[in-house]
C-alpha atoms as a PDB file:
ATOM      1  CA  MET A   1      85.426  -5.684 154.512  1.00  0.00           C
ATOM      2  CA  LYS A   2      84.176  -2.751 152.469  1.00  0.00           C
ATOM      3  CA  PHE A   3      85.452  -2.464 148.925  1.00  0.00           C
ATOM      4  CA  LYS A   4      87.198   0.814 149.713  1.00  0.00           C
ATOM      5  CA  GLU A   5      89.059  -0.896 152.567  1.00  0.00           C
ATOM      6  CA  TYR A   6      90.113  -3.672 150.197  1.00  0.00           C
ATOM      7  CA  LEU A   7      91.519  -1.081 147.776  1.00  0.00           C
ATOM      8  CA  GLU A   8      93.386   0.675 150.578  1.00  0.00           C
ATOM      9  CA  SER A   9      94.817  -2.637 151.798  1.00  0.00           C
ATOM     10  CA  ARG A  10      96.115  -3.364 148.279  1.00  0.00           C
ATOM     11  CA  ASN A  11      97.639   0.107 147.803  1.00  0.00           C
ATOM     12  CA  ALA A  12      95.325   1.098 144.972  1.00  0.00           C
ATOM     13  CA  CYS A  13      95.821   4.593 143.607  1.00  0.00           C
ATOM     14  CA  GLN A  14      94.237   7.374 145.620  1.00  0.00           C
ATOM     15  CA  GLY A  15      92.064   8.456 142.705  1.00  0.00           C
ATOM     16  CA  ALA A  16      90.390   5.035 142.577  1.00  0.00           C
ATOM     17  CA  ILE A  17      89.948   4.922 146.348  1.00  0.00           C
ATOM     18  CA  ASP A  18      88.356   8.374 146.361  1.00  0.00           C
ATOM     19  CA  TRP A  19      86.096   7.507 143.423  1.00  0.00           C
ATOM     20  CA  VAL A  20      84.900   4.268 145.032  1.00  0.00           C
ATOM     21  CA  SER A  21      83.924   6.065 148.244  1.00  0.00           C
ATOM     22  CA  ASP A  22      81.082   3.929 149.635  1.00  0.00           C
ATOM     23  CA  LYS A  23      80.337   1.939 146.451  1.00  0.00           C
ATOM     24  CA  THR A  24      80.187  -1.815 146.653  1.00  0.00           C
ATOM     25  CA  LEU A  25      82.415  -3.902 144.425  1.00  0.00           C
ATOM     26  CA  ALA A  26      79.448  -4.626 142.125  1.00  0.00           C
ATOM     27  CA  GLU A  27      78.438  -0.959 141.934  1.00  0.00           C
ATOM     28  CA  ALA A  28      81.984   0.127 141.185  1.00  0.00           C
ATOM     29  CA  TRP A  29      82.440  -2.547 138.501  1.00  0.00           C
ATOM     30  CA  GLN A  30      79.199  -1.588 136.748  1.00  0.00           C
ATOM     31  CA  THR A  31      79.838   2.180 136.779  1.00  0.00           C
ATOM     32  CA  CYS A  32      83.588   2.530 136.342  1.00  0.00           C
ATOM     33  CA  ASP A  33      84.777   4.151 133.119  1.00  0.00           C
ATOM     34  CA  ARG A  34      88.494   3.799 133.906  1.00  0.00           C
ATOM     35  CA  PRO A  35      89.667   0.582 132.238  1.00  0.00           C
ATOM     36  CA  GLU A  36      93.091   0.759 133.849  1.00  0.00           C
ATOM     37  CA  TRP A  37      91.412   0.617 137.298  1.00  0.00           C
ATOM     38  CA  MET A  38      89.225  -2.283 136.229  1.00  0.00           C
ATOM     39  CA  LEU A  39      92.202  -4.201 134.901  1.00  0.00           C
ATOM     40  CA  TRP A  40      94.262  -3.456 137.991  1.00  0.00           C
ATOM     41  CA  LEU A  41      91.546  -5.212 139.995  1.00  0.00           C
ATOM     42  CA  TYR A  42      91.102  -8.029 137.490  1.00  0.00           C
ATOM     43  CA  GLU A  43      94.796  -8.880 137.350  1.00  0.00           C
ATOM     44  CA  ARG A  44      94.839  -9.373 141.127  1.00  0.00           C
ATOM     45  CA  ASN A  45      92.003 -11.893 140.990  1.00  0.00           C
ATOM     46  CA  ASN A  46      93.049 -14.834 138.801  1.00  0.00           C
ATOM     47  CA  PRO A  47      93.098 -13.194 135.371  1.00  0.00           C
ATOM     48  CA  ASP A  48      92.662 -15.317 132.302  1.00  0.00           C
ATOM     49  CA  LYS A  49      95.374 -14.769 129.692  1.00  0.00           C
ATOM     50  CA  MET A  50      92.987 -15.072 126.745  1.00  0.00           C
ATOM     51  CA  THR A  51      90.600 -12.493 128.214  1.00  0.00           C
ATOM     52  CA  CYS A  52      93.461 -10.095 128.898  1.00  0.00           C
ATOM     53  CA  VAL A  53      94.844 -10.396 125.381  1.00  0.00           C
ATOM     54  CA  LYS A  54      91.362  -9.884 123.919  1.00  0.00           C
ATOM     55  CA  ILE A  55      91.014  -6.674 125.925  1.00  0.00           C
ATOM     56  CA  ALA A  56      94.469  -5.510 124.895  1.00  0.00           C
ATOM     57  CA  VAL A  57      93.787  -6.199 121.218  1.00  0.00           C
ATOM     58  CA  TYR A  58      90.444  -4.424 121.424  1.00  0.00           C
ATOM     59  CA  ALA A  59      92.058  -1.360 123.018  1.00  0.00           C
ATOM     60  CA  ALA A  60      94.917  -1.430 120.537  1.00  0.00           C
ATOM     61  CA  ARG A  61      92.525  -1.626 117.582  1.00  0.00           C
ATOM     62  CA  LEU A  62      90.685   1.434 118.933  1.00  0.00           C
ATOM     63  CA  VAL A  63      93.825   3.552 119.076  1.00  0.00           C
ATOM     64  CA  LEU A  64      95.496   2.145 115.955  1.00  0.00           C
ATOM     65  CA  PRO A  65      94.039   4.796 113.582  1.00  0.00           C
ATOM     66  CA  ILE A  66      95.321   7.555 115.862  1.00  0.00           C
ATOM     67  CA  TRP A  67      98.733   5.880 116.001  1.00  0.00           C
ATOM     68  CA  GLN A  68      98.852   5.356 112.235  1.00  0.00           C
ATOM     69  CA  GLU A  69      97.967   8.981 111.604  1.00  0.00           C
ATOM     70  CA  LYS A  70     100.849  10.051 113.823  1.00  0.00           C
ATOM     71  CA  TYR A  71     103.285   7.398 112.523  1.00  0.00           C
ATOM     72  CA  PRO A  72     102.143   6.403 109.003  1.00  0.00           C
ATOM     73  CA  ASP A  73     105.342   4.485 108.221  1.00  0.00           C
ATOM     74  CA  ASP A  74     105.059   2.180 111.252  1.00  0.00           C
ATOM     75  CA  LYS A  75     103.853  -1.230 110.120  1.00  0.00           C
ATOM     76  CA  CYS A  76     105.122  -3.114 113.197  1.00  0.00           C
ATOM     77  CA  THR A  77     102.269  -1.998 115.418  1.00  0.00           C
ATOM     78  CA  GLN A  78      99.552  -3.336 113.126  1.00  0.00           C
ATOM     79  CA  GLN A  79     101.543  -6.529 112.635  1.00  0.00           C
ATOM     80  CA  ALA A  80     101.722  -7.005 116.425  1.00  0.00           C
ATOM     81  CA  ILE A  81      97.958  -6.601 116.718  1.00  0.00           C
ATOM     82  CA  GLU A  82      97.376  -9.034 113.850  1.00  0.00           C
ATOM     83  CA  ALA A  83      99.741 -11.572 115.422  1.00  0.00           C
ATOM     84  CA  ALA A  84      97.864 -11.326 118.721  1.00  0.00           C
ATOM     85  CA  GLU A  85      94.553 -11.763 116.878  1.00  0.00           C
ATOM     86  CA  LYS A  86      95.978 -14.856 115.202  1.00  0.00           C
ATOM     87  CA  TRP A  87      96.858 -16.263 118.634  1.00  0.00           C
ATOM     88  CA  ILE A  88      93.323 -15.502 119.893  1.00  0.00           C
ATOM     89  CA  GLU A  89      91.877 -17.483 116.963  1.00  0.00           C
ATOM     90  CA  ASN A  90      94.357 -20.319 117.401  1.00  0.00           C
ATOM     91  CA  PRO A  91      96.184 -20.217 120.749  1.00  0.00           C
ATOM     92  CA  SER A  92      99.051 -22.442 119.694  1.00  0.00           C
ATOM     93  CA  GLU A  93     102.594 -22.122 121.002  1.00  0.00           C
ATOM     94  CA  LYS A  94     103.761 -21.171 117.494  1.00  0.00           C
ATOM     95  CA  ASN A  95     101.272 -18.296 117.294  1.00  0.00           C
ATOM     96  CA  TRP A  96     102.200 -17.134 120.801  1.00  0.00           C
ATOM     97  CA  VAL A  97     105.878 -16.965 119.810  1.00  0.00           C
ATOM     98  CA  GLU A  98     104.985 -15.066 116.627  1.00  0.00           C
ATOM     99  CA  ALA A  99     102.924 -12.625 118.680  1.00  0.00           C
ATOM    100  CA  TRP A 100     105.858 -12.067 121.032  1.00  0.00           C
ATOM    101  CA  VAL A 101     108.262 -11.464 118.144  1.00  0.00           C
ATOM    102  CA  ALA A 102     105.843  -8.984 116.568  1.00  0.00           C
ATOM    103  CA  ARG A 103     105.333  -7.284 119.935  1.00  0.00           C
ATOM    104  CA  ALA A 104     109.083  -6.893 120.371  1.00  0.00           C
ATOM    105  CA  ALA A 105     109.436  -5.308 116.928  1.00  0.00           C
ATOM    106  CA  ALA A 106     106.569  -2.916 117.621  1.00  0.00           C
ATOM    107  CA  ALA A 107     107.922  -2.045 121.055  1.00  0.00           C
ATOM    108  CA  GLU A 108     111.275  -1.198 119.540  1.00  0.00           C
ATOM    109  CA  ALA A 109     109.562   1.087 117.037  1.00  0.00           C
ATOM    110  CA  ALA A 110     107.409   2.775 119.692  1.00  0.00           C
ATOM    111  CA  ALA A 111     108.323   6.416 120.189  1.00  0.00           C
ATOM    112  CA  ASP A 112     106.067   7.533 123.061  1.00  0.00           C
ATOM    113  CA  ALA A 113     103.610   6.405 125.735  1.00  0.00           C
ATOM    114  CA  GLY A 114     100.721   6.238 123.280  1.00  0.00           C
ATOM    115  CA  ALA A 115     102.477   3.364 121.580  1.00  0.00           C
ATOM    116  CA  ARG A 116     101.943   1.192 124.639  1.00  0.00           C
ATOM    117  CA  ALA A 117      98.329   0.753 123.624  1.00  0.00           C
ATOM    118  CA  ALA A 118      99.227  -0.566 120.201  1.00  0.00           C
ATOM    119  CA  TRP A 119     102.071  -2.932 120.937  1.00  0.00           C
ATOM    120  CA  ALA A 120     100.655  -4.175 124.229  1.00  0.00           C
ATOM    121  CA  ALA A 121      98.171  -6.266 122.271  1.00  0.00           C
ATOM    122  CA  ALA A 122     100.672  -9.078 121.967  1.00  0.00           C
ATOM    123  CA  ALA A 123     102.164  -8.808 125.438  1.00  0.00           C
ATOM    124  CA  ASP A 124     101.618 -11.191 128.311  1.00  0.00           C
ATOM    125  CA  ALA A 125      98.356 -11.589 130.241  1.00  0.00           C
ATOM    126  CA  ALA A 126      97.078  -8.761 132.435  1.00  0.00           C
ATOM    127  CA  ASP A 127     100.087  -6.516 131.920  1.00  0.00           C
ATOM    128  CA  ALA A 128      99.177  -6.291 128.247  1.00  0.00           C
ATOM    129  CA  ALA A 129      95.613  -5.282 128.835  1.00  0.00           C
ATOM    130  CA  ARG A 130      96.494  -2.865 131.601  1.00  0.00           C
ATOM    131  CA  ALA A 131      99.149  -1.182 129.451  1.00  0.00           C
ATOM    132  CA  ALA A 132      96.739  -0.805 126.560  1.00  0.00           C
ATOM    133  CA  ALA A 133      94.041   0.657 128.747  1.00  0.00           C
ATOM    134  CA  ALA A 134      96.446   2.889 130.649  1.00  0.00           C
ATOM    135  CA  ALA A 135      97.454   4.601 127.428  1.00  0.00           C
ATOM    136  CA  ALA A 136      93.855   5.481 126.608  1.00  0.00           C
ATOM    137  CA  PRO A 137      93.678   8.531 128.950  1.00  0.00           C
ATOM    138  CA  ASP A 138      96.368  10.178 126.815  1.00  0.00           C
ATOM    139  CA  LEU A 139      94.060  10.135 123.798  1.00  0.00           C
ATOM    140  CA  PRO A 140      91.603  12.871 122.835  1.00  0.00           C
ATOM    141  CA  ALA A 141      88.653  12.978 125.242  1.00  0.00           C
ATOM    142  CA  GLU A 142      86.146  13.209 122.406  1.00  0.00           C
ATOM    143  CA  ALA A 143      87.163   9.754 121.239  1.00  0.00           C
ATOM    144  CA  GLY A 144      85.343   8.211 124.253  1.00  0.00           C
ATOM    145  CA  ILE A 145      87.922   5.455 124.296  1.00  0.00           C
ATOM    146  CA  ASN A 146      87.989   4.919 128.076  1.00  0.00           C
ATOM    147  CA  LYS A 147      84.268   4.239 128.306  1.00  0.00           C
ATOM    148  CA  THR A 148      84.335   2.072 125.197  1.00  0.00           C
ATOM    149  CA  ILE A 149      87.116  -0.095 126.638  1.00  0.00           C
ATOM    150  CA  ALA A 150      85.420  -0.247 130.055  1.00  0.00           C
ATOM    151  CA  ASP A 151      82.186  -1.392 128.413  1.00  0.00           C
ATOM    152  CA  TYR A 152      84.071  -4.066 126.475  1.00  0.00           C
ATOM    153  CA  ILE A 153      85.714  -5.269 129.683  1.00  0.00           C
ATOM    154  CA  ARG A 154      82.276  -5.588 131.299  1.00  0.00           C
ATOM    155  CA  GLN A 155      81.083  -7.511 128.232  1.00  0.00           C
ATOM    156  CA  LEU A 156      83.874 -10.069 128.717  1.00  0.00           C
ATOM    157  CA  ILE A 157      83.809  -9.944 132.521  1.00  0.00           C
ATOM    158  CA  PRO A 158      80.238  -9.102 133.580  1.00  0.00           C
ATOM    159  CA  THR A 159      80.960  -9.448 137.286  1.00  0.00           C
ATOM    160  CA  ILE A 160      84.077  -9.747 139.362  1.00  0.00           C
ATOM    161  CA  GLU A 161      84.816 -11.353 142.680  1.00  0.00           C
ATOM    162  CA  ILE A 162      87.739 -10.752 144.946  1.00  0.00           C
ATOM    163  CA  VAL A 163      89.692 -13.962 145.352  1.00  0.00           C
ATOM    164  CA  GLY A 164      90.356 -14.947 148.936  1.00  0.00           C
ATOM    165  CA  GLU A 165      87.753 -12.657 150.479  1.00  0.00           C
END
């Protein structure tokens, strides 16, 4: 099965299907600069929670200065990122609960879609990473955030295989 056919069979967005065209999975993975597309694929193929949270935290850290400039009084977002980083360093149940509590506080304080990137750092598995990356297109193009996140994803996940194919 061609990669494009796989995407069509999984109801991927039309933009991704059109972009893939006749690329192989490996070609698409190595050239894609849309982290939300990469994470959509990754989450359907046995994602690792730690990897997903690392990606989410990385994306959230990238957009945090933009968020803080817009909402200087919001401390919950940074606290959620720090709690997720604490869990990454020590993935204990206690730290996971603290990350969830911090995430909930930041989510409550979030005023718009851009906030998803910041508070998603402490959310669960692939949904967290995908939410963080999905918010990146809303940011200024000159920031180069999409490509930066995509490159980081490739650093953590150099290649990808489709499970069950």
